[in-house]
Structure formats: C-alpha cells, structure tokens
C-alpha cells in the first residue's frame, strides 16, 4: 500500500520489518525489491530477487523472479540472459505470460533484431552458465519431496 502511494521510505521500513518477522516471505522480498528498483538500488533489487528465487516454491513466484532477473538483464543490455529469463518465466507459468511477452517484444524493439526463442535446454544452460538458479532450489525440492 505504501509503495503504491510512492512512500518508498515507509514501505521499505515496513517490508524490512515483515522480513524480520518472516525471513522467507517472497511477497515481502518482491515488494521490497520493487522499492529498490524505484529508488535506483539495482544491486539490492538483484539480491532480493535472487533471495526470493532461492526459497520460491510456487510457479508464480519462480516466474516472477525470472521476470525480475530479465528486467535487470535488459537494463544491462544483456539480451541473451534477458531472453532466457523471460522464456523461463513463460515456460514455468504460461498463465502469466503477458508480462514476459511484452518484455520480449520490447527487447526486439531495443535490439533491432528479430528474436530467436531458444528451446528449454538452451534456456536452462544459459541461466546455469550465468550463475542463475534453474527452477526450485535443491533445498525447496528436498522439502517438497519430504512433504509428499
């Protein structure tokens, strides 16, 4: 709510408190990441997104993390990583395809090229080669397996 009102300082304090109470709240991590993005703190935006990715267990959360990383890659003009992140988001959560598709279209406009969409194996290899977690973390997989 505070973020929507552009009260970044108040939102940051409230979200940091939320993370103190629940350090694995991906909702709080993503909201705080948005505050960081709006205030130009890209390093913290990246750290929070990677932290959320490391504890993500739902398809929507994983996909959002990849879209955030895609945004960062676009900002850095690293279109190979951006395309891989957005394609991973689309593969994981096709129900929320609009955001990723819009960004892929934007990449085509900015780069002035027609994008070649890589297959899933190439996407995963690109992410792994660049130190980006592919799918749920090993810990999350173990927890999910033990709960099944």
Protein backbone atom coordinates (compact mmCIF):
# COMPACT_ATOMS: atom_id res chain seq x y z
CA UNK A 1 0.00 0.00 0.00
CA UNK A 2 2.76 2.47 0.92
CA UNK A 3 4.65 1.61 -2.24
CA UNK A 4 1.58 2.31 -4.35
CA UNK A 5 1.37 5.73 -2.69
CA UNK A 6 5.05 6.29 -3.55
CA UNK A 7 6.04 6.29 0.12
CA UNK A 8 9.26 4.38 -0.56
CA UNK A 9 10.88 5.11 2.80
CA UNK A 10 7.85 3.97 4.79
CA UNK A 11 7.36 0.96 2.53
CA UNK A 12 10.99 -0.04 2.93
CA UNK A 13 10.79 0.11 6.73
CA UNK A 14 7.54 -1.88 6.82
CA UNK A 15 8.83 -4.51 4.41
CA UNK A 16 12.12 -4.92 6.27
CA UNK A 17 10.09 -5.50 9.43
CA UNK A 18 7.93 -8.04 7.58
CA UNK A 19 11.11 -9.87 6.53
CA UNK A 20 12.43 -9.77 10.08
CA UNK A 21 9.25 -11.50 11.23
CA UNK A 22 9.13 -13.90 8.26
CA UNK A 23 12.52 -14.06 6.54
CA UNK A 24 11.23 -16.35 3.77
CA UNK A 25 8.24 -14.26 2.69
CA UNK A 26 8.66 -13.99 -1.05
CA UNK A 27 5.82 -11.44 -1.17
CA UNK A 28 7.77 -9.12 1.15
CA UNK A 29 11.00 -9.77 -0.77
CA UNK A 30 9.41 -8.89 -4.11
CA UNK A 31 7.73 -5.79 -2.71
CA UNK A 32 10.98 -4.63 -1.13
CA UNK A 33 12.74 -5.37 -4.42
CA UNK A 34 10.26 -3.05 -6.14
CA UNK A 35 11.15 -0.32 -3.66
CA UNK A 36 14.81 -0.86 -4.51
CA UNK A 37 14.03 -0.68 -8.23
CA UNK A 38 12.05 2.54 -7.84
CA UNK A 39 14.83 4.13 -5.79
CA UNK A 40 17.58 3.10 -8.23
CA UNK A 41 19.17 0.49 -5.99
CA UNK A 42 19.70 -2.20 -8.61
CA UNK A 43 22.20 -4.25 -6.58
CA UNK A 44 19.69 -4.66 -3.75
CA UNK A 45 16.93 -5.36 -6.29
CA UNK A 46 19.07 -8.21 -7.65
CA UNK A 47 19.94 -9.55 -4.20
CA UNK A 48 16.31 -9.62 -3.08
CA UNK A 49 15.20 -11.25 -6.33
CA UNK A 50 17.86 -13.97 -6.02
CA UNK A 51 16.91 -14.47 -2.37
CA UNK A 52 13.24 -14.87 -3.36
CA UNK A 53 14.24 -17.30 -6.12
CA UNK A 54 16.20 -19.38 -3.61
CA UNK A 55 13.09 -20.01 -1.48
CA UNK A 56 10.44 -19.94 -4.21
CA UNK A 57 8.16 -22.95 -4.33
CA UNK A 58 5.22 -21.83 -6.45
CA UNK A 59 5.23 -21.47 -10.22
CA UNK A 60 4.06 -17.87 -9.97
CA UNK A 61 6.90 -16.98 -7.59
CA UNK A 62 9.55 -18.67 -9.70
CA UNK A 63 8.24 -16.96 -12.82
CA UNK A 64 8.21 -13.55 -11.13
CA UNK A 65 11.82 -13.99 -10.06
CA UNK A 66 12.86 -14.80 -13.63
CA UNK A 67 10.96 -11.75 -14.91
CA UNK A 68 12.79 -9.57 -12.38
CA UNK A 69 16.12 -11.00 -13.49
CA UNK A 70 15.10 -10.45 -17.10
CA UNK A 71 14.40 -6.81 -16.29
CA UNK A 72 17.88 -6.44 -14.81
CA UNK A 73 19.47 -8.08 -17.84
CA UNK A 74 17.63 -5.68 -20.16
CA UNK A 75 18.85 -2.75 -18.06
CA UNK A 76 22.39 -4.10 -18.54
CA UNK A 77 21.77 -4.70 -22.29
CA UNK A 78 22.46 -8.41 -21.81
CA UNK A 79 19.73 -9.60 -24.12
CA UNK A 80 20.82 -13.26 -24.14
CA UNK A 81 20.23 -13.55 -20.40
CA UNK A 82 17.08 -11.41 -20.61
CA UNK A 83 15.56 -13.65 -23.28
CA UNK A 84 16.49 -16.77 -21.28
CA UNK A 85 14.88 -15.34 -18.12
CA UNK A 86 11.67 -14.32 -19.88
CA UNK A 87 11.47 -17.64 -21.73
CA UNK A 88 11.93 -19.49 -18.43
CA UNK A 89 9.15 -17.40 -16.92
CA UNK A 90 6.87 -18.28 -19.84
CA UNK A 91 7.70 -21.98 -19.61
CA UNK A 92 7.08 -22.13 -15.86
CA UNK A 93 3.92 -20.03 -15.66
CA UNK A 94 2.18 -19.60 -19.01
CA UNK A 95 -0.92 -18.25 -17.22
CA UNK A 96 1.00 -15.02 -16.55
CA UNK A 97 2.53 -14.78 -20.00
CA UNK A 98 1.53 -11.18 -20.77
CA UNK A 99 4.35 -9.52 -18.80
CA UNK A 100 7.08 -11.75 -20.23
CA UNK A 101 5.74 -11.48 -23.77
CA UNK A 102 5.64 -7.68 -23.51
CA UNK A 103 9.25 -7.62 -22.37
CA UNK A 104 10.35 -9.93 -25.17
CA UNK A 105 8.66 -7.61 -27.66
CA UNK A 106 10.46 -4.67 -26.03
CA UNK A 107 13.81 -6.48 -26.39
CA UNK A 108 13.13 -6.91 -30.11
CA UNK A 109 12.45 -3.18 -30.44
CA UNK A 110 15.51 -2.10 -28.45
CA UNK A 111 17.91 -4.57 -30.02
CA UNK A 112 16.58 -4.01 -33.54
CA UNK A 113 16.62 -7.73 -34.25
CA UNK A 114 14.10 -10.50 -34.59
CA UNK A 115 14.45 -12.73 -31.57
CA UNK A 116 15.17 -16.39 -31.88
CA UNK A 117 13.47 -18.14 -29.00
CA UNK A 118 15.73 -20.82 -27.54
CA UNK A 119 14.47 -24.25 -26.51
CA UNK A 120 14.15 -25.14 -22.82
CA UNK A 121 17.53 -26.90 -22.68
CA UNK A 122 19.30 -23.85 -24.11
CA UNK A 123 17.44 -21.55 -21.71
CA UNK A 124 18.47 -23.64 -18.72
CA UNK A 125 22.07 -23.84 -19.93
CA UNK A 126 22.21 -20.05 -20.37
CA UNK A 127 20.85 -19.48 -16.88
CA UNK A 128 23.21 -22.00 -15.29
CA UNK A 129 26.22 -20.65 -17.19
CA UNK A 130 25.43 -17.22 -15.77
CA UNK A 131 25.02 -18.40 -12.18
CA UNK A 132 21.22 -18.18 -12.16
CA UNK A 133 19.36 -20.92 -10.33
CA UNK A 134 17.30 -23.13 -12.64
CA UNK A 135 13.90 -23.99 -11.18
CA UNK A 136 13.30 -24.51 -7.46
CA UNK A 137 16.40 -24.67 -5.27
CA UNK A 138 17.71 -28.03 -4.10
CA UNK A 139 16.50 -27.26 -0.56
CA UNK A 140 12.98 -26.45 -1.76
CA UNK A 141 12.94 -29.67 -3.85
CA UNK A 142 14.01 -31.70 -0.83
CA UNK A 143 11.35 -30.11 1.34
CA UNK A 144 8.70 -30.72 -1.30
CA UNK A 145 9.78 -34.35 -1.66
CA UNK A 146 9.68 -34.93 2.08
CA UNK A 147 6.21 -33.36 2.32
CA UNK A 148 4.82 -35.59 -0.46
